[in-house]
């Protein structure tokens, strides 16, 4: 039987587990859309060390089972790389990480939270709408993500979704 889950700030020692979980999750969901890895160890550690960036992990029985990257962009909270270990999905755990990122934004006095998603990922649109996010813009997809070589197999765009926190 699984123990309680907790959310905490990630530490450098969590980085390998986070990279593995993120890449497995994205490969499962975006294998028809993208080529390459979503992140790598050096890129993640760089994100963890950036001013205004925080990675939160979801832990169960002392093991990392999920993560989310939170940062502040243009005076708004922003999150990405929300991932749950494949064996732990469909338990409502993603919502816990999103709520923690939203709380961080509130604690910083921010009035809204944003997420960018691939427009073809309709299940994500539904998930975030259920969490009170609404589409506010359409933006082009970058040719690659970071320095990981995460490259699209086909053309698509991103949906910028926002939630008012106050």
C-alpha atoms as a PDB file:
ATOM      1  CA  UNK A   1       0.000   0.000   0.000  1.00  0.00           C
ATOM      2  CA  UNK A   2       1.311   3.424  -0.968  1.00  0.00           C
ATOM      3  CA  UNK A   3       1.968   6.027   1.677  1.00  0.00           C
ATOM      4  CA  UNK A   4       0.867   9.653   1.705  1.00  0.00           C
ATOM      5  CA  UNK A   5       2.142  11.977  -0.999  1.00  0.00           C
ATOM      6  CA  UNK A   6       3.905  15.227  -0.199  1.00  0.00           C
ATOM      7  CA  UNK A   7       5.016  18.167  -2.316  1.00  0.00           C
ATOM      8  CA  UNK A   8       8.339  19.858  -1.616  1.00  0.00           C
ATOM      9  CA  UNK A   9      10.963  21.944  -3.363  1.00  0.00           C
ATOM     10  CA  UNK A  10      13.354  19.834  -5.387  1.00  0.00           C
ATOM     11  CA  UNK A  11      16.992  19.494  -4.457  1.00  0.00           C
ATOM     12  CA  UNK A  12      19.898  18.724  -6.772  1.00  0.00           C
ATOM     13  CA  UNK A  13      19.787  15.066  -5.708  1.00  0.00           C
ATOM     14  CA  UNK A  14      16.282  14.783  -7.227  1.00  0.00           C
ATOM     15  CA  UNK A  15      17.407  15.884 -10.675  1.00  0.00           C
ATOM     16  CA  UNK A  16      18.061  12.457 -12.234  1.00  0.00           C
ATOM     17  CA  UNK A  17      14.666  11.141 -11.116  1.00  0.00           C
ATOM     18  CA  UNK A  18      12.948  14.278 -12.415  1.00  0.00           C
ATOM     19  CA  UNK A  19      14.613  13.999 -15.840  1.00  0.00           C
ATOM     20  CA  UNK A  20      13.594  10.347 -16.101  1.00  0.00           C
ATOM     21  CA  UNK A  21       9.965  11.037 -15.127  1.00  0.00           C
ATOM     22  CA  UNK A  22       9.643  14.080 -17.400  1.00  0.00           C
ATOM     23  CA  UNK A  23      11.103  12.312 -20.428  1.00  0.00           C
ATOM     24  CA  UNK A  24       9.011   9.145 -19.908  1.00  0.00           C
ATOM     25  CA  UNK A  25       5.833  11.198 -19.522  1.00  0.00           C
ATOM     26  CA  UNK A  26       6.487  13.387 -22.554  1.00  0.00           C
ATOM     27  CA  UNK A  27       7.523  10.412 -24.694  1.00  0.00           C
ATOM     28  CA  UNK A  28       4.253   8.679 -23.842  1.00  0.00           C
ATOM     29  CA  UNK A  29       2.104  11.721 -24.596  1.00  0.00           C
ATOM     30  CA  UNK A  30       3.992  13.347 -27.455  1.00  0.00           C
ATOM     31  CA  UNK A  31       5.651  10.473 -29.343  1.00  0.00           C
ATOM     32  CA  UNK A  32       3.615  11.275 -32.464  1.00  0.00           C
ATOM     33  CA  UNK A  33       4.387  14.994 -32.194  1.00  0.00           C
ATOM     34  CA  UNK A  34       8.016  15.333 -31.124  1.00  0.00           C
ATOM     35  CA  UNK A  35      11.469  13.768 -31.524  1.00  0.00           C
ATOM     36  CA  UNK A  36      14.084  13.817 -28.788  1.00  0.00           C
ATOM     37  CA  UNK A  37      14.082  14.271 -25.028  1.00  0.00           C
ATOM     38  CA  UNK A  38      12.040  16.980 -23.318  1.00  0.00           C
ATOM     39  CA  UNK A  39      14.869  17.779 -20.919  1.00  0.00           C
ATOM     40  CA  UNK A  40      18.278  16.597 -19.789  1.00  0.00           C
ATOM     41  CA  UNK A  41      20.248  16.742 -16.572  1.00  0.00           C
ATOM     42  CA  UNK A  42      22.285  19.858 -17.345  1.00  0.00           C
ATOM     43  CA  UNK A  43      19.246  21.781 -18.605  1.00  0.00           C
ATOM     44  CA  UNK A  44      17.180  20.850 -15.557  1.00  0.00           C
ATOM     45  CA  UNK A  45      19.932  21.775 -13.098  1.00  0.00           C
ATOM     46  CA  UNK A  46      20.330  25.089 -14.922  1.00  0.00           C
ATOM     47  CA  UNK A  47      16.573  25.698 -14.513  1.00  0.00           C
ATOM     48  CA  UNK A  48      16.736  24.747 -10.830  1.00  0.00           C
ATOM     49  CA  UNK A  49      19.515  27.300 -10.267  1.00  0.00           C
ATOM     50  CA  UNK A  50      17.919  30.193 -12.174  1.00  0.00           C
ATOM     51  CA  UNK A  51      16.685  33.151 -10.173  1.00  0.00           C
ATOM     52  CA  UNK A  52      12.891  33.002  -9.875  1.00  0.00           C
ATOM     53  CA  UNK A  53      12.671  29.323 -10.892  1.00  0.00           C
ATOM     54  CA  UNK A  54      11.528  26.563  -8.564  1.00  0.00           C
ATOM     55  CA  UNK A  55      11.019  22.896  -9.245  1.00  0.00           C
ATOM     56  CA  UNK A  56       8.552  21.149  -6.973  1.00  0.00           C
ATOM     57  CA  UNK A  57       8.488  17.378  -6.608  1.00  0.00           C
ATOM     58  CA  UNK A  58       5.765  15.046  -5.537  1.00  0.00           C
ATOM     59  CA  UNK A  59       7.077  12.346  -3.251  1.00  0.00           C
ATOM     60  CA  UNK A  60       5.588   9.052  -2.094  1.00  0.00           C
ATOM     61  CA  UNK A  61       7.360   6.624   0.235  1.00  0.00           C
ATOM     62  CA  UNK A  62      10.533   8.690  -0.082  1.00  0.00           C
ATOM     63  CA  UNK A  63      10.614   8.492  -3.888  1.00  0.00           C
ATOM     64  CA  UNK A  64      10.032  11.250  -6.419  1.00  0.00           C
ATOM     65  CA  UNK A  65       6.941  10.423  -8.482  1.00  0.00           C
ATOM     66  CA  UNK A  66       6.229  13.767 -10.139  1.00  0.00           C
ATOM     67  CA  UNK A  67       7.444  17.285 -10.739  1.00  0.00           C
ATOM     68  CA  UNK A  68       6.545  20.744 -11.999  1.00  0.00           C
ATOM     69  CA  UNK A  69       8.712  23.720 -12.976  1.00  0.00           C
ATOM     70  CA  UNK A  70       7.499  27.099 -11.708  1.00  0.00           C
ATOM     71  CA  UNK A  71       8.872  30.489 -12.648  1.00  0.00           C
ATOM     72  CA  UNK A  72       7.880  34.119 -12.955  1.00  0.00           C
ATOM     73  CA  UNK A  73       7.650  35.628 -16.442  1.00  0.00           C
ATOM     74  CA  UNK A  74       6.492  39.184 -17.149  1.00  0.00           C
ATOM     75  CA  UNK A  75       5.000  39.534 -13.680  1.00  0.00           C
ATOM     76  CA  UNK A  76       2.947  36.339 -13.958  1.00  0.00           C
ATOM     77  CA  UNK A  77       3.408  32.859 -12.585  1.00  0.00           C
ATOM     78  CA  UNK A  78       4.213  30.282 -15.243  1.00  0.00           C
ATOM     79  CA  UNK A  79       4.580  26.537 -14.991  1.00  0.00           C
ATOM     80  CA  UNK A  80       5.674  23.733 -17.265  1.00  0.00           C
ATOM     81  CA  UNK A  81       7.076  20.227 -17.490  1.00  0.00           C
ATOM     82  CA  UNK A  82       4.275  18.911 -15.300  1.00  0.00           C
ATOM     83  CA  UNK A  83       4.954  15.189 -15.135  1.00  0.00           C
ATOM     84  CA  UNK A  84       3.844  12.202 -13.101  1.00  0.00           C
ATOM     85  CA  UNK A  85       5.568   8.814 -13.116  1.00  0.00           C
ATOM     86  CA  UNK A  86       3.665   6.561 -15.531  1.00  0.00           C
ATOM     87  CA  UNK A  87       2.808   4.020 -12.813  1.00  0.00           C
ATOM     88  CA  UNK A  88       1.196   6.774 -10.716  1.00  0.00           C
ATOM     89  CA  UNK A  89      -0.902   8.553 -13.326  1.00  0.00           C
ATOM     90  CA  UNK A  90      -4.702   8.841 -13.238  1.00  0.00           C
ATOM     91  CA  UNK A  91      -4.754   9.398  -9.462  1.00  0.00           C
ATOM     92  CA  UNK A  92      -5.282  13.170  -9.433  1.00  0.00           C
ATOM     93  CA  UNK A  93      -1.648  13.850  -8.541  1.00  0.00           C
ATOM     94  CA  UNK A  94      -1.015  16.413 -11.287  1.00  0.00           C
ATOM     95  CA  UNK A  95      -3.576  18.670  -9.679  1.00  0.00           C
ATOM     96  CA  UNK A  96      -1.565  18.671  -6.421  1.00  0.00           C
ATOM     97  CA  UNK A  97       1.516  19.955  -8.231  1.00  0.00           C
ATOM     98  CA  UNK A  98      -0.435  22.630 -10.129  1.00  0.00           C
ATOM     99  CA  UNK A  99      -2.039  23.770  -6.860  1.00  0.00           C
ATOM    100  CA  UNK A 100       1.408  24.027  -5.245  1.00  0.00           C
ATOM    101  CA  UNK A 101       2.721  26.127  -8.130  1.00  0.00           C
ATOM    102  CA  UNK A 102      -0.370  28.343  -7.917  1.00  0.00           C
ATOM    103  CA  UNK A 103       0.218  28.788  -4.179  1.00  0.00           C
ATOM    104  CA  UNK A 104       3.800  29.825  -4.864  1.00  0.00           C
ATOM    105  CA  UNK A 105       2.499  32.454  -7.299  1.00  0.00           C
ATOM    106  CA  UNK A 106       0.018  33.732  -4.692  1.00  0.00           C
ATOM    107  CA  UNK A 107       2.760  33.835  -2.046  1.00  0.00           C
ATOM    108  CA  UNK A 108       4.782  36.038  -4.404  1.00  0.00           C
ATOM    109  CA  UNK A 109       1.813  38.382  -4.823  1.00  0.00           C
ATOM    110  CA  UNK A 110       1.165  37.415  -8.440  1.00  0.00           C
ATOM    111  CA  UNK A 111      -2.341  37.786  -9.807  1.00  0.00           C
ATOM    112  CA  UNK A 112      -2.317  35.127 -12.506  1.00  0.00           C
ATOM    113  CA  UNK A 113      -0.767  31.868 -13.618  1.00  0.00           C
ATOM    114  CA  UNK A 114       0.018  30.734 -17.173  1.00  0.00           C
ATOM    115  CA  UNK A 115       0.750  27.509 -19.006  1.00  0.00           C
ATOM    116  CA  UNK A 116       1.600  26.938 -22.678  1.00  0.00           C
ATOM    117  CA  UNK A 117       0.404  23.695 -24.236  1.00  0.00           C
ATOM    118  CA  UNK A 118       0.530  22.156 -27.702  1.00  0.00           C
ATOM    119  CA  UNK A 119      -2.828  22.817 -29.370  1.00  0.00           C
ATOM    120  CA  UNK A 120      -3.102  19.192 -30.518  1.00  0.00           C
ATOM    121  CA  UNK A 121      -3.087  17.902 -26.927  1.00  0.00           C
ATOM    122  CA  UNK A 122      -6.840  18.145 -26.404  1.00  0.00           C
ATOM    123  CA  UNK A 123      -6.773  16.180 -23.155  1.00  0.00           C
ATOM    124  CA  UNK A 124      -4.521  18.869 -21.679  1.00  0.00           C
ATOM    125  CA  UNK A 125      -6.913  21.596 -22.786  1.00  0.00           C
ATOM    126  CA  UNK A 126      -9.726  19.800 -20.939  1.00  0.00           C
ATOM    127  CA  UNK A 127      -7.578  19.194 -17.859  1.00  0.00           C
ATOM    128  CA  UNK A 128      -6.569  22.843 -17.527  1.00  0.00           C
ATOM    129  CA  UNK A 129     -10.060  24.130 -18.286  1.00  0.00           C
ATOM    130  CA  UNK A 130     -11.258  21.926 -15.405  1.00  0.00           C
ATOM    131  CA  UNK A 131      -8.706  23.775 -13.215  1.00  0.00           C
ATOM    132  CA  UNK A 132     -10.186  27.148 -14.360  1.00  0.00           C
ATOM    133  CA  UNK A 133      -7.575  28.005 -16.987  1.00  0.00           C
ATOM    134  CA  UNK A 134      -8.775  29.643 -20.190  1.00  0.00           C
ATOM    135  CA  UNK A 135      -7.072  30.234 -23.506  1.00  0.00           C
ATOM    136  CA  UNK A 136      -5.841  33.797 -23.943  1.00  0.00           C
ATOM    137  CA  UNK A 137      -3.538  33.525 -26.975  1.00  0.00           C
ATOM    138  CA  UNK A 138      -2.083  31.353 -29.689  1.00  0.00           C
ATOM    139  CA  UNK A 139       1.685  31.495 -30.138  1.00  0.00           C
ATOM    140  CA  UNK A 140       4.155  29.793 -32.484  1.00  0.00           C
ATOM    141  CA  UNK A 141       5.998  26.728 -31.290  1.00  0.00           C
ATOM    142  CA  UNK A 142       9.760  27.200 -30.901  1.00  0.00           C
ATOM    143  CA  UNK A 143      11.809  25.192 -33.404  1.00  0.00           C
ATOM    144  CA  UNK A 144      13.486  23.314 -30.549  1.00  0.00           C
ATOM    145  CA  UNK A 145      13.137  23.339 -26.794  1.00  0.00           C
ATOM    146  CA  UNK A 146      16.182  24.391 -24.816  1.00  0.00           C
ATOM    147  CA  UNK A 147      19.332  22.584 -25.874  1.00  0.00           C
ATOM    148  CA  UNK A 148      17.770  19.128 -25.646  1.00  0.00           C
ATOM    149  CA  UNK A 149      16.958  18.768 -29.339  1.00  0.00           C
ATOM    150  CA  UNK A 150      13.246  18.338 -28.658  1.00  0.00           C
ATOM    151  CA  UNK A 151      11.996  18.921 -32.207  1.00  0.00           C
ATOM    152  CA  UNK A 152       8.470  18.793 -33.660  1.00  0.00           C
ATOM    153  CA  UNK A 153       7.601  16.090 -36.218  1.00  0.00           C
ATOM    154  CA  UNK A 154       4.813  18.245 -37.637  1.00  0.00           C
ATOM    155  CA  UNK A 155       3.705  21.851 -37.536  1.00  0.00           C
ATOM    156  CA  UNK A 156       1.568  23.038 -34.672  1.00  0.00           C
ATOM    157  CA  UNK A 157       1.197  25.985 -32.362  1.00  0.00           C
ATOM    158  CA  UNK A 158       0.930  26.588 -28.657  1.00  0.00           C
ATOM    159  CA  UNK A 159      -2.081  27.695 -26.646  1.00  0.00           C
ATOM    160  CA  UNK A 160      -1.364  30.135 -23.866  1.00  0.00           C
ATOM    161  CA  UNK A 161      -3.780  29.482 -21.011  1.00  0.00           C
ATOM    162  CA  UNK A 162      -4.240  31.647 -17.941  1.00  0.00           C
ATOM    163  CA  UNK A 163      -5.900  31.470 -14.564  1.00  0.00           C
ATOM    164  CA  UNK A 164      -6.637  34.498 -12.405  1.00  0.00           C
ATOM    165  CA  UNK A 165      -5.466  33.821  -8.859  1.00  0.00           C
ATOM    166  CA  UNK A 166      -7.207  36.722  -7.099  1.00  0.00           C
END
